[in-house]
């Protein structure tokens, strides 16, 4: 989650495959406007 705090700008949208509460807490701290949970990608 460190890389999220250091690389995303305020107001960004976060795409992640991680589904833990830590993602939401990090998004709040980083002032991310939305979190989109993605699943495995297919060809």
PDB file of N, CA and C in Angstrom:
ATOM      1  N   UNK A   1       0.810  -1.190   0.000  1.00  0.00           N
ATOM      2  CA  UNK A   1       0.000   0.000   0.000  1.00  0.00           C
ATOM      3  C   UNK A   1       0.858   1.261   0.000  1.00  0.00           C
ATOM      4  N   UNK A   2       2.148   1.113   0.340  1.00  0.00           N
ATOM      5  CA  UNK A   2       3.043   2.276   0.340  1.00  0.00           C
ATOM      6  C   UNK A   2       3.105   2.943  -1.029  1.00  0.00           C
ATOM      7  N   UNK A   3       3.173   2.109  -2.075  1.00  0.00           N
ATOM      8  CA  UNK A   3       3.288   2.665  -3.419  1.00  0.00           C
ATOM      9  C   UNK A   3       2.049   3.457  -3.823  1.00  0.00           C
ATOM     10  N   UNK A   4       0.895   3.080  -3.307  1.00  0.00           N
ATOM     11  CA  UNK A   4      -0.334   3.825  -3.593  1.00  0.00           C
ATOM     12  C   UNK A   4      -0.254   5.213  -2.978  1.00  0.00           C
ATOM     13  N   UNK A   5       0.171   5.282  -1.744  1.00  0.00           N
ATOM     14  CA  UNK A   5       0.263   6.573  -1.066  1.00  0.00           C
ATOM     15  C   UNK A   5       1.268   7.499  -1.733  1.00  0.00           C
ATOM     16  N   UNK A   6       2.317   6.946  -2.303  1.00  0.00           N
ATOM     17  CA  UNK A   6       3.358   7.789  -2.888  1.00  0.00           C
ATOM     18  C   UNK A   6       3.139   8.121  -4.356  1.00  0.00           C
ATOM     19  N   UNK A   7       2.289   7.367  -5.057  1.00  0.00           N
ATOM     20  CA  UNK A   7       2.210   7.565  -6.506  1.00  0.00           C
ATOM     21  C   UNK A   7       0.878   8.084  -7.035  1.00  0.00           C
ATOM     22  N   UNK A   8      -0.205   7.949  -6.297  1.00  0.00           N
ATOM     23  CA  UNK A   8      -1.496   8.403  -6.801  1.00  0.00           C
ATOM     24  C   UNK A   8      -1.795   9.829  -6.370  1.00  0.00           C
ATOM     25  N   UNK A   9      -2.413  10.564  -7.268  1.00  0.00           N
ATOM     26  CA  UNK A   9      -2.815  11.934  -6.957  1.00  0.00           C
ATOM     27  C   UNK A   9      -4.179  11.930  -6.279  1.00  0.00           C
ATOM     28  N   UNK A  10      -4.437  12.944  -5.494  1.00  0.00           N
ATOM     29  CA  UNK A  10      -5.744  13.104  -4.862  1.00  0.00           C
ATOM     30  C   UNK A  10      -6.811  13.140  -5.951  1.00  0.00           C
ATOM     31  N   UNK A  11      -7.908  12.428  -5.736  1.00  0.00           N
ATOM     32  CA  UNK A  11      -8.992  12.383  -6.712  1.00  0.00           C
ATOM     33  C   UNK A  11      -8.866  11.253  -7.718  1.00  0.00           C
ATOM     34  N   UNK A  12      -7.859  10.394  -7.567  1.00  0.00           N
ATOM     35  CA  UNK A  12      -7.650   9.274  -8.483  1.00  0.00           C
ATOM     36  C   UNK A  12      -8.650   8.153  -8.238  1.00  0.00           C
ATOM     37  N   UNK A  13      -8.719   7.236  -9.202  1.00  0.00           N
ATOM     38  CA  UNK A  13      -9.487   6.002  -9.069  1.00  0.00           C
ATOM     39  C   UNK A  13      -8.474   4.868  -8.945  1.00  0.00           C
ATOM     40  N   UNK A  14      -8.664   4.000  -7.977  1.00  0.00           N
ATOM     41  CA  UNK A  14      -7.752   2.885  -7.737  1.00  0.00           C
ATOM     42  C   UNK A  14      -8.358   1.599  -8.269  1.00  0.00           C
ATOM     43  N   UNK A  15      -7.624   0.907  -9.136  1.00  0.00           N
ATOM     44  CA  UNK A  15      -8.009  -0.421  -9.619  1.00  0.00           C
ATOM     45  C   UNK A  15      -7.138  -1.431  -8.895  1.00  0.00           C
ATOM     46  N   UNK A  16      -7.758  -2.425  -8.258  1.00  0.00           N
ATOM     47  CA  UNK A  16      -6.987  -3.388  -7.478  1.00  0.00           C
ATOM     48  C   UNK A  16      -7.659  -4.758  -7.451  1.00  0.00           C
ATOM     49  N   UNK A  17      -6.854  -5.756  -7.275  1.00  0.00           N
ATOM     50  CA  UNK A  17      -7.348  -7.106  -7.082  1.00  0.00           C
ATOM     51  C   UNK A  17      -7.326  -7.506  -5.613  1.00  0.00           C
ATOM     52  N   UNK A  18      -6.816  -6.613  -4.773  1.00  0.00           N
ATOM     53  CA  UNK A  18      -6.718  -6.876  -3.330  1.00  0.00           C
ATOM     54  C   UNK A  18      -8.039  -6.488  -2.672  1.00  0.00           C
ATOM     55  N   UNK A  19      -8.615  -7.403  -1.916  1.00  0.00           N
ATOM     56  CA  UNK A  19      -9.931  -7.163  -1.315  1.00  0.00           C
ATOM     57  C   UNK A  19      -9.871  -7.190   0.210  1.00  0.00           C
ATOM     58  N   UNK A  20      -9.020  -6.352   0.758  1.00  0.00           N
ATOM     59  CA  UNK A  20      -8.921  -6.275   2.211  1.00  0.00           C
ATOM     60  C   UNK A  20      -9.347  -4.893   2.687  1.00  0.00           C
ATOM     61  N   UNK A  21      -9.594  -4.784   3.962  1.00  0.00           N
ATOM     62  CA  UNK A  21      -9.953  -3.509   4.549  1.00  0.00           C
ATOM     63  C   UNK A  21      -8.844  -2.484   4.446  1.00  0.00           C
ATOM     64  N   UNK A  22      -7.608  -2.957   4.347  1.00  0.00           N
ATOM     65  CA  UNK A  22      -6.474  -2.046   4.236  1.00  0.00           C
ATOM     66  C   UNK A  22      -6.555  -1.214   2.958  1.00  0.00           C
ATOM     67  N   UNK A  23      -7.121  -1.774   1.898  1.00  0.00           N
ATOM     68  CA  UNK A  23      -7.281  -1.031   0.642  1.00  0.00           C
ATOM     69  C   UNK A  23      -8.191   0.173   0.860  1.00  0.00           C
ATOM     70  N   UNK A  24      -9.283  -0.030   1.572  1.00  0.00           N
ATOM     71  CA  UNK A  24     -10.230   1.061   1.827  1.00  0.00           C
ATOM     72  C   UNK A  24      -9.598   2.119   2.723  1.00  0.00           C
ATOM     73  N   UNK A  25      -8.890   1.694   3.748  1.00  0.00           N
ATOM     74  CA  UNK A  25      -8.238   2.648   4.641  1.00  0.00           C
ATOM     75  C   UNK A  25      -7.184   3.464   3.881  1.00  0.00           C
ATOM     76  N   UNK A  26      -6.415   2.802   3.032  1.00  0.00           N
ATOM     77  CA  UNK A  26      -5.410   3.500   2.240  1.00  0.00           C
ATOM     78  C   UNK A  26      -6.065   4.486   1.291  1.00  0.00           C
ATOM     79  N   UNK A  27      -7.167   4.099   0.685  1.00  0.00           N
ATOM     80  CA  UNK A  27      -7.893   4.985  -0.225  1.00  0.00           C
ATOM     81  C   UNK A  27      -8.392   6.230   0.513  1.00  0.00           C
ATOM     82  N   UNK A  28      -8.856   6.057   1.723  1.00  0.00           N
ATOM     83  CA  UNK A  28      -9.310   7.203   2.517  1.00  0.00           C
ATOM     84  C   UNK A  28      -8.161   8.159   2.808  1.00  0.00           C
ATOM     85  N   UNK A  29      -7.034   7.610   3.226  1.00  0.00           N
ATOM     86  CA  UNK A  29      -5.875   8.435   3.549  1.00  0.00           C
ATOM     87  C   UNK A  29      -5.369   9.168   2.308  1.00  0.00           C
ATOM     88  N   UNK A  30      -5.358   8.493   1.148  1.00  0.00           N
ATOM     89  CA  UNK A  30      -4.842   9.065  -0.093  1.00  0.00           C
ATOM     90  C   UNK A  30      -5.885   9.931  -0.811  1.00  0.00           C
ATOM     91  N   UNK A  31      -7.086  10.003  -0.243  1.00  0.00           N
ATOM     92  CA  UNK A  31      -8.186  10.777  -0.855  1.00  0.00           C
ATOM     93  C   UNK A  31      -8.497  10.304  -2.271  1.00  0.00           C
ATOM     94  N   UNK A  32      -8.560   8.998  -2.418  1.00  0.00           N
ATOM     95  CA  UNK A  32      -8.936   8.384  -3.689  1.00  0.00           C
ATOM     96  C   UNK A  32     -10.455   8.396  -3.764  1.00  0.00           C
ATOM     97  N   UNK A  33     -10.999   8.788  -4.925  1.00  0.00           N
ATOM     98  CA  UNK A  33     -12.447   8.974  -5.028  1.00  0.00           C
ATOM     99  C   UNK A  33     -13.218   7.669  -5.234  1.00  0.00           C
ATOM    100  N   UNK A  34     -12.557   6.642  -5.781  1.00  0.00           N
ATOM    101  CA  UNK A  34     -13.248   5.374  -6.008  1.00  0.00           C
ATOM    102  C   UNK A  34     -12.246   4.225  -6.007  1.00  0.00           C
ATOM    103  N   UNK A  35     -12.708   3.080  -5.546  1.00  0.00           N
ATOM    104  CA  UNK A  35     -11.917   1.858  -5.601  1.00  0.00           C
ATOM    105  C   UNK A  35     -12.700   0.856  -6.439  1.00  0.00           C
ATOM    106  N   UNK A  36     -12.050   0.327  -7.482  1.00  0.00           N
ATOM    107  CA  UNK A  36     -12.675  -0.672  -8.347  1.00  0.00           C
ATOM    108  C   UNK A  36     -11.940  -1.984  -8.118  1.00  0.00           C
ATOM    109  N   UNK A  37     -12.681  -2.980  -7.664  1.00  0.00           N
ATOM    110  CA  UNK A  37     -12.090  -4.298  -7.439  1.00  0.00           C
ATOM    111  C   UNK A  37     -12.214  -5.090  -8.728  1.00  0.00           C
ATOM    112  N   UNK A  38     -11.078  -5.572  -9.234  1.00  0.00           N
ATOM    113  CA  UNK A  38     -11.056  -6.322 -10.489  1.00  0.00           C
ATOM    114  C   UNK A  38     -10.721  -7.780 -10.203  1.00  0.00           C
ATOM    115  N   UNK A  39     -11.153  -8.616 -11.107  1.00  0.00           N
ATOM    116  CA  UNK A  39     -10.865 -10.044 -10.984  1.00  0.00           C
ATOM    117  C   UNK A  39      -9.844 -10.430 -12.030  1.00  0.00           C
ATOM    118  N   UNK A  40      -9.509 -11.699 -12.059  1.00  0.00           N
ATOM    119  CA  UNK A  40      -8.493 -12.135 -13.031  1.00  0.00           C
ATOM    120  C   UNK A  40      -8.915 -11.788 -14.456  1.00  0.00           C
ATOM    121  N   UNK A  41      -7.935 -11.460 -15.281  1.00  0.00           N
ATOM    122  CA  UNK A  41      -8.261 -11.097 -16.652  1.00  0.00           C
ATOM    123  C   UNK A  41      -8.142 -12.333 -17.533  1.00  0.00           C
ATOM    124  N   UNK A  42      -8.904 -12.335 -18.593  1.00  0.00           N
ATOM    125  CA  UNK A  42      -8.876 -13.462 -19.526  1.00  0.00           C
ATOM    126  C   UNK A  42      -8.445 -12.958 -20.901  1.00  0.00           C
ATOM    127  N   UNK A  43      -8.035 -13.870 -21.725  1.00  0.00           N
ATOM    128  CA  UNK A  43      -7.595 -13.501 -23.070  1.00  0.00           C
ATOM    129  C   UNK A  43      -8.759 -13.313 -24.001  1.00  0.00           C
TER     130      UNK A  43
END
